[in-house]
Amino acid sequence: MDNKSLDLIGLTGCLYRCAQTYFDRELKKFDLSMATYPYLLSLSKNEGINQNEISRILYVDKSMSAKAIKKLIALGYVNKKEDKEDARAYKLYLTDKAKDIIPKILKVRDKWINILSQGSDNEKIETSIDFLRKALGNGKDKLSH
């Protein structure tokens, strides 16, 4: 592997771990973490979806989603209701408690984005986002074959 490959893998891994530390620290007051807050944000845009759909949206396995959703239900952030079309599935909904903290979660997220983008102009940021989207698409395509 050349240095560019090692840098890409190493830097994305380090960036993920930095983000995890930041979100875990900032969201602790809500009993949330890097592993749980994305479910609330996804549900805020897609209320009534089931666990399989949220797993697909977040690109995580079903067991990871089950664990996170169980925790969010226990914390009073998510309700599940039986799906009338599929008795084995449940539709997921945010509680009022979750709806109240969504703006606070978005502030934490926006602050992190501002931290990451300090010293970079919009063109560099857009180029980086385009590259990461393409890289993610390539990775997903490779894994699905």
C-alpha atoms as a PDB file:
ATOM      1  CA  MET A   1       0.000   0.000   0.000  1.00  0.00           C
ATOM      2  CA  ASP A   2       1.309   3.466  -0.851  1.00  0.00           C
ATOM      3  CA  ASN A   3       1.364   6.439   1.521  1.00  0.00           C
ATOM      4  CA  LYS A   4      -1.776   7.955  -0.018  1.00  0.00           C
ATOM      5  CA  SER A   5      -3.742   4.780   0.763  1.00  0.00           C
ATOM      6  CA  LEU A   6      -2.430   4.621   4.295  1.00  0.00           C
ATOM      7  CA  ASP A   7      -3.182   8.314   4.813  1.00  0.00           C
ATOM      8  CA  LEU A   8      -6.765   7.946   3.568  1.00  0.00           C
ATOM      9  CA  ILE A   9      -7.467   4.955   5.783  1.00  0.00           C
ATOM     10  CA  GLY A  10      -5.621   6.346   8.786  1.00  0.00           C
ATOM     11  CA  LEU A  11      -7.052   9.845   8.532  1.00  0.00           C
ATOM     12  CA  THR A  12     -10.657   8.695   8.103  1.00  0.00           C
ATOM     13  CA  GLY A  13     -10.241   6.351  11.075  1.00  0.00           C
ATOM     14  CA  CYS A  14      -8.738   9.100  13.239  1.00  0.00           C
ATOM     15  CA  LEU A  15     -11.435  11.555  12.202  1.00  0.00           C
ATOM     16  CA  TYR A  16     -14.123   9.019  13.128  1.00  0.00           C
ATOM     17  CA  ARG A  17     -12.568   8.451  16.553  1.00  0.00           C
ATOM     18  CA  CYS A  18     -12.316  12.223  17.155  1.00  0.00           C
ATOM     19  CA  ALA A  19     -15.973  12.614  16.192  1.00  0.00           C
ATOM     20  CA  GLN A  20     -16.922   9.745  18.476  1.00  0.00           C
ATOM     21  CA  THR A  21     -15.132  11.340  21.428  1.00  0.00           C
ATOM     22  CA  TYR A  22     -16.700  14.726  20.715  1.00  0.00           C
ATOM     23  CA  PHE A  23     -20.280  13.451  20.310  1.00  0.00           C
ATOM     24  CA  ASP A  24     -20.045  11.085  23.272  1.00  0.00           C
ATOM     25  CA  ARG A  25     -18.867  13.978  25.473  1.00  0.00           C
ATOM     26  CA  GLU A  26     -21.328  16.584  24.170  1.00  0.00           C
ATOM     27  CA  LEU A  27     -24.386  14.289  24.166  1.00  0.00           C
ATOM     28  CA  LYS A  28     -23.734  12.622  27.519  1.00  0.00           C
ATOM     29  CA  LYS A  29     -26.169  15.044  29.230  1.00  0.00           C
ATOM     30  CA  PHE A  30     -28.942  13.457  27.121  1.00  0.00           C
ATOM     31  CA  ASP A  31     -27.665   9.882  27.732  1.00  0.00           C
ATOM     32  CA  LEU A  32     -26.881   9.714  24.004  1.00  0.00           C
ATOM     33  CA  SER A  33     -23.714   8.822  22.126  1.00  0.00           C
ATOM     34  CA  MET A  34     -22.232   8.638  18.653  1.00  0.00           C
ATOM     35  CA  ALA A  35     -23.954   5.244  18.370  1.00  0.00           C
ATOM     36  CA  THR A  36     -27.460   6.458  19.247  1.00  0.00           C
ATOM     37  CA  TYR A  37     -27.992  10.045  18.134  1.00  0.00           C
ATOM     38  CA  PRO A  38     -28.104   9.255  14.368  1.00  0.00           C
ATOM     39  CA  TYR A  39     -31.263   7.195  14.964  1.00  0.00           C
ATOM     40  CA  LEU A  40     -33.037  10.206  16.423  1.00  0.00           C
ATOM     41  CA  LEU A  41     -31.994  12.441  13.530  1.00  0.00           C
ATOM     42  CA  SER A  42     -33.069   9.801  10.995  1.00  0.00           C
ATOM     43  CA  LEU A  43     -36.420   9.348  12.707  1.00  0.00           C
ATOM     44  CA  SER A  44     -36.941  13.100  12.793  1.00  0.00           C
ATOM     45  CA  LYS A  45     -36.907  12.983   8.979  1.00  0.00           C
ATOM     46  CA  ASN A  46     -38.627   9.590   8.565  1.00  0.00           C
ATOM     47  CA  GLU A  47     -41.061   8.955  11.409  1.00  0.00           C
ATOM     48  CA  GLY A  48     -42.956   5.709  11.091  1.00  0.00           C
ATOM     49  CA  ILE A  49     -40.182   3.717   9.429  1.00  0.00           C
ATOM     50  CA  ASN A  50     -39.279   0.296  10.746  1.00  0.00           C
ATOM     51  CA  GLN A  51     -36.017  -1.035  12.135  1.00  0.00           C
ATOM     52  CA  ASN A  52     -34.929  -2.575   8.823  1.00  0.00           C
ATOM     53  CA  GLU A  53     -35.410   0.735   7.020  1.00  0.00           C
ATOM     54  CA  ILE A  54     -33.450   2.699   9.592  1.00  0.00           C
ATOM     55  CA  SER A  55     -30.644   0.118   9.428  1.00  0.00           C
ATOM     56  CA  ARG A  56     -30.487   0.620   5.663  1.00  0.00           C
ATOM     57  CA  ILE A  57     -30.529   4.439   5.948  1.00  0.00           C
ATOM     58  CA  LEU A  58     -27.727   4.454   8.536  1.00  0.00           C
ATOM     59  CA  TYR A  59     -25.858   1.606   6.816  1.00  0.00           C
ATOM     60  CA  VAL A  60     -25.592  -0.478   9.991  1.00  0.00           C
ATOM     61  CA  ASP A  61     -26.486  -4.084  10.668  1.00  0.00           C
ATOM     62  CA  LYS A  62     -29.868  -4.996  12.123  1.00  0.00           C
ATOM     63  CA  SER A  63     -28.466  -6.172  15.461  1.00  0.00           C
ATOM     64  CA  MET A  64     -26.745  -2.815  16.003  1.00  0.00           C
ATOM     65  CA  SER A  65     -30.023  -1.042  15.243  1.00  0.00           C
ATOM     66  CA  ALA A  66     -31.946  -3.316  17.590  1.00  0.00           C
ATOM     67  CA  LYS A  67     -29.572  -2.514  20.443  1.00  0.00           C
ATOM     68  CA  ALA A  68     -29.646   1.257  19.808  1.00  0.00           C
ATOM     69  CA  ILE A  69     -33.424   1.367  19.412  1.00  0.00           C
ATOM     70  CA  LYS A  70     -33.930  -0.670  22.585  1.00  0.00           C
ATOM     71  CA  LYS A  71     -31.784   1.863  24.468  1.00  0.00           C
ATOM     72  CA  LEU A  72     -33.652   4.821  22.946  1.00  0.00           C
ATOM     73  CA  ILE A  73     -36.980   3.273  23.949  1.00  0.00           C
ATOM     74  CA  ALA A  74     -35.700   2.733  27.507  1.00  0.00           C
ATOM     75  CA  LEU A  75     -34.541   6.371  27.639  1.00  0.00           C
ATOM     76  CA  GLY A  76     -37.985   7.548  26.558  1.00  0.00           C
ATOM     77  CA  TYR A  77     -36.883   8.935  23.183  1.00  0.00           C
ATOM     78  CA  VAL A  78     -38.584   6.431  20.866  1.00  0.00           C
ATOM     79  CA  ASN A  79     -41.911   4.615  20.793  1.00  0.00           C
ATOM     80  CA  LYS A  80     -42.604   1.576  18.695  1.00  0.00           C
ATOM     81  CA  LYS A  81     -46.019   0.660  17.380  1.00  0.00           C
ATOM     82  CA  GLU A  82     -47.029  -2.550  15.690  1.00  0.00           C
ATOM     83  CA  ASP A  83     -47.134  -2.299  11.915  1.00  0.00           C
ATOM     84  CA  LYS A  84     -50.697  -3.129  10.835  1.00  0.00           C
ATOM     85  CA  GLU A  85     -49.404  -4.421   7.486  1.00  0.00           C
ATOM     86  CA  ASP A  86     -46.689  -6.643   9.002  1.00  0.00           C
ATOM     87  CA  ALA A  87     -47.366  -8.022  12.493  1.00  0.00           C
ATOM     88  CA  ARG A  88     -43.679  -8.951  12.882  1.00  0.00           C
ATOM     89  CA  ALA A  89     -42.491  -5.380  12.344  1.00  0.00           C
ATOM     90  CA  TYR A  90     -42.791  -2.203  14.376  1.00  0.00           C
ATOM     91  CA  LYS A  91     -42.955   1.382  13.216  1.00  0.00           C
ATOM     92  CA  LEU A  92     -40.758   3.796  15.115  1.00  0.00           C
ATOM     93  CA  TYR A  93     -41.751   7.259  16.332  1.00  0.00           C
ATOM     94  CA  LEU A  94     -40.043  10.006  18.298  1.00  0.00           C
ATOM     95  CA  THR A  95     -41.478  10.958  21.676  1.00  0.00           C
ATOM     96  CA  ASP A  96     -42.012  14.577  22.681  1.00  0.00           C
ATOM     97  CA  LYS A  97     -38.873  14.241  24.824  1.00  0.00           C
ATOM     98  CA  ALA A  98     -36.853  13.404  21.696  1.00  0.00           C
ATOM     99  CA  LYS A  99     -38.467  16.144  19.635  1.00  0.00           C
ATOM    100  CA  ASP A 100     -37.471  18.643  22.332  1.00  0.00           C
ATOM    101  CA  ILE A 101     -33.765  17.744  22.140  1.00  0.00           C
ATOM    102  CA  ILE A 102     -33.429  17.438  18.343  1.00  0.00           C
ATOM    103  CA  PRO A 103     -32.518  21.164  18.021  1.00  0.00           C
ATOM    104  CA  LYS A 104     -29.869  20.697  20.722  1.00  0.00           C
ATOM    105  CA  ILE A 105     -28.407  17.680  18.907  1.00  0.00           C
ATOM    106  CA  LEU A 106     -28.321  19.693  15.682  1.00  0.00           C
ATOM    107  CA  LYS A 107     -26.419  22.471  17.486  1.00  0.00           C
ATOM    108  CA  VAL A 108     -23.832  19.938  18.680  1.00  0.00           C
ATOM    109  CA  ARG A 109     -23.538  18.561  15.140  1.00  0.00           C
ATOM    110  CA  ASP A 110     -23.233  22.040  13.603  1.00  0.00           C
ATOM    111  CA  LYS A 111     -20.554  23.002  16.112  1.00  0.00           C
ATOM    112  CA  TRP A 112     -18.548  19.913  15.106  1.00  0.00           C
ATOM    113  CA  ILE A 113     -18.902  20.797  11.421  1.00  0.00           C
ATOM    114  CA  ASN A 114     -17.642  24.311  12.185  1.00  0.00           C
ATOM    115  CA  ILE A 115     -14.680  22.876  14.087  1.00  0.00           C
ATOM    116  CA  LEU A 116     -13.789  20.598  11.174  1.00  0.00           C
ATOM    117  CA  SER A 117     -14.131  23.262   8.509  1.00  0.00           C
ATOM    118  CA  GLN A 118     -12.065  25.979  10.231  1.00  0.00           C
ATOM    119  CA  GLY A 119      -9.455  27.373   7.863  1.00  0.00           C
ATOM    120  CA  SER A 120     -11.001  25.779   4.755  1.00  0.00           C
ATOM    121  CA  ASP A 121     -12.903  27.609   2.059  1.00  0.00           C
ATOM    122  CA  ASN A 122     -16.233  26.365   0.703  1.00  0.00           C
ATOM    123  CA  GLU A 123     -14.638  25.015  -2.474  1.00  0.00           C
ATOM    124  CA  LYS A 124     -12.275  22.744  -0.520  1.00  0.00           C
ATOM    125  CA  ILE A 125     -15.122  21.579   1.694  1.00  0.00           C
ATOM    126  CA  GLU A 126     -17.371  20.791  -1.309  1.00  0.00           C
ATOM    127  CA  THR A 127     -14.524  18.957  -3.071  1.00  0.00           C
ATOM    128  CA  SER A 128     -13.893  16.897   0.072  1.00  0.00           C
ATOM    129  CA  ILE A 129     -17.589  16.078   0.447  1.00  0.00           C
ATOM    130  CA  ASP A 130     -17.798  15.034  -3.210  1.00  0.00           C
ATOM    131  CA  PHE A 131     -14.765  12.776  -2.800  1.00  0.00           C
ATOM    132  CA  LEU A 132     -16.115  11.169   0.373  1.00  0.00           C
ATOM    133  CA  ARG A 133     -19.526  10.537  -1.217  1.00  0.00           C
ATOM    134  CA  LYS A 134     -17.854   8.896  -4.208  1.00  0.00           C
ATOM    135  CA  ALA A 135     -15.587   6.843  -1.936  1.00  0.00           C
ATOM    136  CA  LEU A 136     -18.569   5.713   0.151  1.00  0.00           C
ATOM    137  CA  GLY A 137     -20.508   4.766  -2.978  1.00  0.00           C
ATOM    138  CA  ASN A 138     -17.535   2.771  -4.259  1.00  0.00           C
ATOM    139  CA  GLY A 139     -17.200   0.990  -0.931  1.00  0.00           C
ATOM    140  CA  LYS A 140     -20.919   0.188  -0.733  1.00  0.00           C
ATOM    141  CA  ASP A 141     -20.931  -1.097  -4.317  1.00  0.00           C
ATOM    142  CA  LYS A 142     -17.971  -3.372  -3.610  1.00  0.00           C
ATOM    143  CA  LEU A 143     -19.560  -4.751  -0.439  1.00  0.00           C
ATOM    144  CA  SER A 144     -22.898  -5.460  -2.099  1.00  0.00           C
ATOM    145  CA  HIS A 145     -21.357  -7.695  -4.789  1.00  0.00           C
END
